[in-house]
C-alpha atoms as a PDB file:
ATOM      1  CA  MET A   1     -25.461  -0.296 -11.630  1.00  0.00           C
ATOM      2  CA  SER A   2     -22.617   1.075 -14.139  1.00  0.00           C
ATOM      3  CA  LEU A   3     -19.137   1.428 -12.052  1.00  0.00           C
ATOM      4  CA  ILE A   4     -19.409   5.096 -14.120  1.00  0.00           C
ATOM      5  CA  LYS A   5     -21.953   5.790 -11.996  1.00  0.00           C
ATOM      6  CA  SER A   6     -21.501   4.086  -8.614  1.00  0.00           C
ATOM      7  CA  ILE A   7     -18.365   6.712  -8.840  1.00  0.00           C
ATOM      8  CA  LYS A   8     -20.454  10.050  -9.150  1.00  0.00           C
ATOM      9  CA  ARG A   9     -22.618   9.120  -6.555  1.00  0.00           C
ATOM     10  CA  ASP A  10     -19.824   8.187  -3.984  1.00  0.00           C
ATOM     11  CA  ILE A  11     -19.116  12.146  -5.282  1.00  0.00           C
ATOM     12  CA  GLN A  12     -22.571  13.117  -4.945  1.00  0.00           C
ATOM     13  CA  ALA A  13     -22.477  11.192  -1.289  1.00  0.00           C
ATOM     14  CA  ALA A  14     -19.571  13.787  -0.025  1.00  0.00           C
ATOM     15  CA  PHE A  15     -20.126  17.329  -0.975  1.00  0.00           C
ATOM     16  CA  GLN A  16     -23.967  15.474   0.453  1.00  0.00           C
ATOM     17  CA  HIS A  17     -22.667  14.339   3.921  1.00  0.00           C
ATOM     18  CA  ASP A  18     -19.289  17.730   4.338  1.00  0.00           C
ATOM     19  CA  PRO A  19     -20.493  21.173   3.729  1.00  0.00           C
ATOM     20  CA  ALA A  20     -16.291  21.535   3.604  1.00  0.00           C
ATOM     21  CA  ALA A  21     -15.644  19.529   0.665  1.00  0.00           C
ATOM     22  CA  LYS A  22     -15.309  22.032  -2.219  1.00  0.00           C
ATOM     23  CA  SER A  23     -14.808  20.514  -5.520  1.00  0.00           C
ATOM     24  CA  THR A  24     -14.996  17.328  -7.761  1.00  0.00           C
ATOM     25  CA  ILE A  25     -10.871  16.577  -7.911  1.00  0.00           C
ATOM     26  CA  GLU A  26     -10.700  17.221  -4.247  1.00  0.00           C
ATOM     27  CA  VAL A  27     -13.076  14.691  -3.530  1.00  0.00           C
ATOM     28  CA  LEU A  28     -10.691  12.269  -5.839  1.00  0.00           C
ATOM     29  CA  PHE A  29      -7.626  12.963  -4.640  1.00  0.00           C
ATOM     30  CA  ALA A  30      -8.503  13.719  -0.442  1.00  0.00           C
ATOM     31  CA  TYR A  31     -11.128  12.037   0.365  1.00  0.00           C
ATOM     32  CA  PRO A  32      -9.504   8.290   2.693  1.00  0.00           C
ATOM     33  CA  GLY A  33     -13.503   7.379   2.393  1.00  0.00           C
ATOM     34  CA  PHE A  34     -13.394   7.787  -1.240  1.00  0.00           C
ATOM     35  CA  HIS A  35     -10.682   5.649  -1.845  1.00  0.00           C
ATOM     36  CA  ALA A  36     -11.013   3.384   0.551  1.00  0.00           C
ATOM     37  CA  ARG A  37     -14.978   2.717  -1.610  1.00  0.00           C
ATOM     38  CA  GLN A  38     -12.850   2.332  -5.025  1.00  0.00           C
ATOM     39  CA  LEU A  39     -11.104  -0.040  -3.909  1.00  0.00           C
ATOM     40  CA  HIS A  40     -13.037  -2.400  -1.673  1.00  0.00           C
ATOM     41  CA  ARG A  41     -15.198  -1.726  -5.669  1.00  0.00           C
ATOM     42  CA  LEU A  42     -11.563  -3.415  -7.089  1.00  0.00           C
ATOM     43  CA  ALA A  43     -10.537  -6.105  -4.917  1.00  0.00           C
ATOM     44  CA  HIS A  44     -14.386  -7.063  -4.988  1.00  0.00           C
ATOM     45  CA  THR A  45     -13.814  -7.092  -9.218  1.00  0.00           C
ATOM     46  CA  LEU A  46     -11.405  -9.314  -9.027  1.00  0.00           C
ATOM     47  CA  HIS A  47     -12.590 -11.820  -6.391  1.00  0.00           C
ATOM     48  CA  LYS A  48     -14.911 -11.953  -8.918  1.00  0.00           C
ATOM     49  CA  TRP A  49     -12.227 -12.853 -11.011  1.00  0.00           C
ATOM     50  CA  HIS A  50     -11.321 -15.603  -8.888  1.00  0.00           C
ATOM     51  CA  LEU A  51      -7.646 -14.568  -9.248  1.00  0.00           C
ATOM     52  CA  PRO A  52      -5.104 -17.161  -7.673  1.00  0.00           C
ATOM     53  CA  VAL A  53      -3.890 -17.103  -4.120  1.00  0.00           C
ATOM     54  CA  PRO A  54      -1.359 -19.590  -2.992  1.00  0.00           C
ATOM     55  CA  PRO A  55      -2.484 -22.952  -1.642  1.00  0.00           C
ATOM     56  CA  ASN A  56      -1.801 -22.809   2.424  1.00  0.00           C
ATOM     57  CA  ALA A  57      -0.803 -18.774   2.237  1.00  0.00           C
ATOM     58  CA  THR A  58      -1.878 -16.266   4.576  1.00  0.00           C
ATOM     59  CA  VAL A  59      -2.912 -12.562   2.696  1.00  0.00           C
ATOM     60  CA  VAL A  60      -2.831  -9.444   5.420  1.00  0.00           C
ATOM     61  CA  GLY A  61      -3.103  -6.010   4.276  1.00  0.00           C
ATOM     62  CA  VAL A  62      -4.625  -3.954   1.494  1.00  0.00           C
ATOM     63  CA  PRO A  63      -3.905  -4.706  -0.730  1.00  0.00           C
ATOM     64  CA  GLY A  64      -2.801  -8.120   0.275  1.00  0.00           C
ATOM     65  CA  ARG A  65       0.433  -8.977   0.799  1.00  0.00           C
ATOM     66  CA  VAL A  66       1.738 -13.293   1.548  1.00  0.00           C
ATOM     67  CA  VAL A  67       3.101 -13.376   4.246  1.00  0.00           C
ATOM     68  CA  GLU A  68       3.245 -16.973   5.283  1.00  0.00           C
ATOM     69  CA  ILE A  69       3.404 -20.610   3.473  1.00  0.00           C
ATOM     70  CA  ARG A  70       2.055 -23.479   4.736  1.00  0.00           C
ATOM     71  CA  ASN A  71       4.433 -27.390   3.550  1.00  0.00           C
ATOM     72  CA  PRO A  72       1.021 -29.021   3.725  1.00  0.00           C
ATOM     73  CA  ASP A  73       3.633 -31.959   3.946  1.00  0.00           C
ATOM     74  CA  THR A  74       5.958 -31.083   6.366  1.00  0.00           C
ATOM     75  CA  ASP A  75       3.231 -28.758   8.563  1.00  0.00           C
ATOM     76  CA  THR A  76       6.202 -26.173   8.965  1.00  0.00           C
ATOM     77  CA  ILE A  77       5.377 -22.424   8.006  1.00  0.00           C
ATOM     78  CA  GLU A  78       8.145 -20.360   5.617  1.00  0.00           C
ATOM     79  CA  ARG A  79       7.693 -17.029   6.449  1.00  0.00           C
ATOM     80  CA  LEU A  80       8.540 -15.001   3.624  1.00  0.00           C
ATOM     81  CA  PRO A  81      10.089 -11.116   3.530  1.00  0.00           C
ATOM     82  CA  ASP A  82       7.685  -8.793   4.877  1.00  0.00           C
ATOM     83  CA  PRO A  83       9.166  -5.370   4.328  1.00  0.00           C
ATOM     84  CA  VAL A  84       6.475  -3.295   6.288  1.00  0.00           C
ATOM     85  CA  TRP A  85       6.468  -5.453   9.282  1.00  0.00           C
ATOM     86  CA  GLU A  86      10.236  -5.008   9.417  1.00  0.00           C
ATOM     87  CA  LYS A  87       9.820  -1.373   9.319  1.00  0.00           C
ATOM     88  CA  LEU A  88       7.200  -1.373  12.166  1.00  0.00           C
ATOM     89  CA  GLN A  89       9.262  -3.642  14.116  1.00  0.00           C
ATOM     90  CA  ALA A  90      12.199  -0.549  13.650  1.00  0.00           C
ATOM     91  CA  LEU A  91      10.381   2.001  14.151  1.00  0.00           C
ATOM     92  CA  GLU A  92       9.567  -0.057  18.359  1.00  0.00           C
ATOM     93  CA  LYS A  93      12.633  -0.288  18.554  1.00  0.00           C
ATOM     94  CA  LYS A  94      13.754   3.610  18.366  1.00  0.00           C
ATOM     95  CA  VAL A  95      10.950   4.700  20.200  1.00  0.00           C
ATOM     96  CA  GLU A  96      11.574   3.277  22.608  1.00  0.00           C
ATOM     97  CA  GLU A  97      15.332   4.000  22.857  1.00  0.00           C
ATOM     98  CA  MET A  98      13.894   7.233  22.495  1.00  0.00           C
ATOM     99  CA  GLU A  99      11.678   6.814  25.859  1.00  0.00           C
ATOM    100  CA  ARG A 100      14.323   5.430  28.293  1.00  0.00           C
ATOM    101  CA  ARG A 101      16.409   8.007  27.552  1.00  0.00           C
ATOM    102  CA  LEU A 102      13.676  10.280  27.884  1.00  0.00           C
ATOM    103  CA  ILE A 103      14.059   9.173  31.282  1.00  0.00           C
ATOM    104  CA  ALA A 104      17.538   9.102  31.382  1.00  0.00           C
ATOM    105  CA  LEU A 105      17.304  12.774  30.704  1.00  0.00           C
ATOM    106  CA  ARG A 106      13.937  13.575  33.414  1.00  0.00           C
ATOM    107  CA  GLY A 107      16.651  11.783  35.717  1.00  0.00           C
ATOM    108  CA  GLU A 108      19.038  14.250  35.165  1.00  0.00           C
ATOM    109  CA  ASN A 109      17.228  16.981  34.950  1.00  0.00           C
ATOM    110  CA  GLU A 110      15.808  16.501  38.240  1.00  0.00           C
ATOM    111  CA  SER A 111      19.174  16.311  40.023  1.00  0.00           C
ATOM    112  CA  ILE A 112      20.137  19.695  39.433  1.00  0.00           C
END
């Protein structure tokens, strides 16, 4: 099956299974399931093309990011910068701080 036929079939599936689907443009731009299907097709094609991943590397996420490289000679792991993980860590710290402040505010209101 050609790529275009597959995409058309996916759009038709969206219309068949979602009565709220109004237009092809809506499906193309607003349906995460459709996006996932197309990205899977792309990833599968790239995999079939045997695109290189550095040896001894750890790849995470979609799209894949190399976050660690293991040196086989010394068996050490070098962590590479991972901005997504760093942002998640920063957000987690902010949430913890907000929870502490909320608990403190609740304690102040109960004593009034």
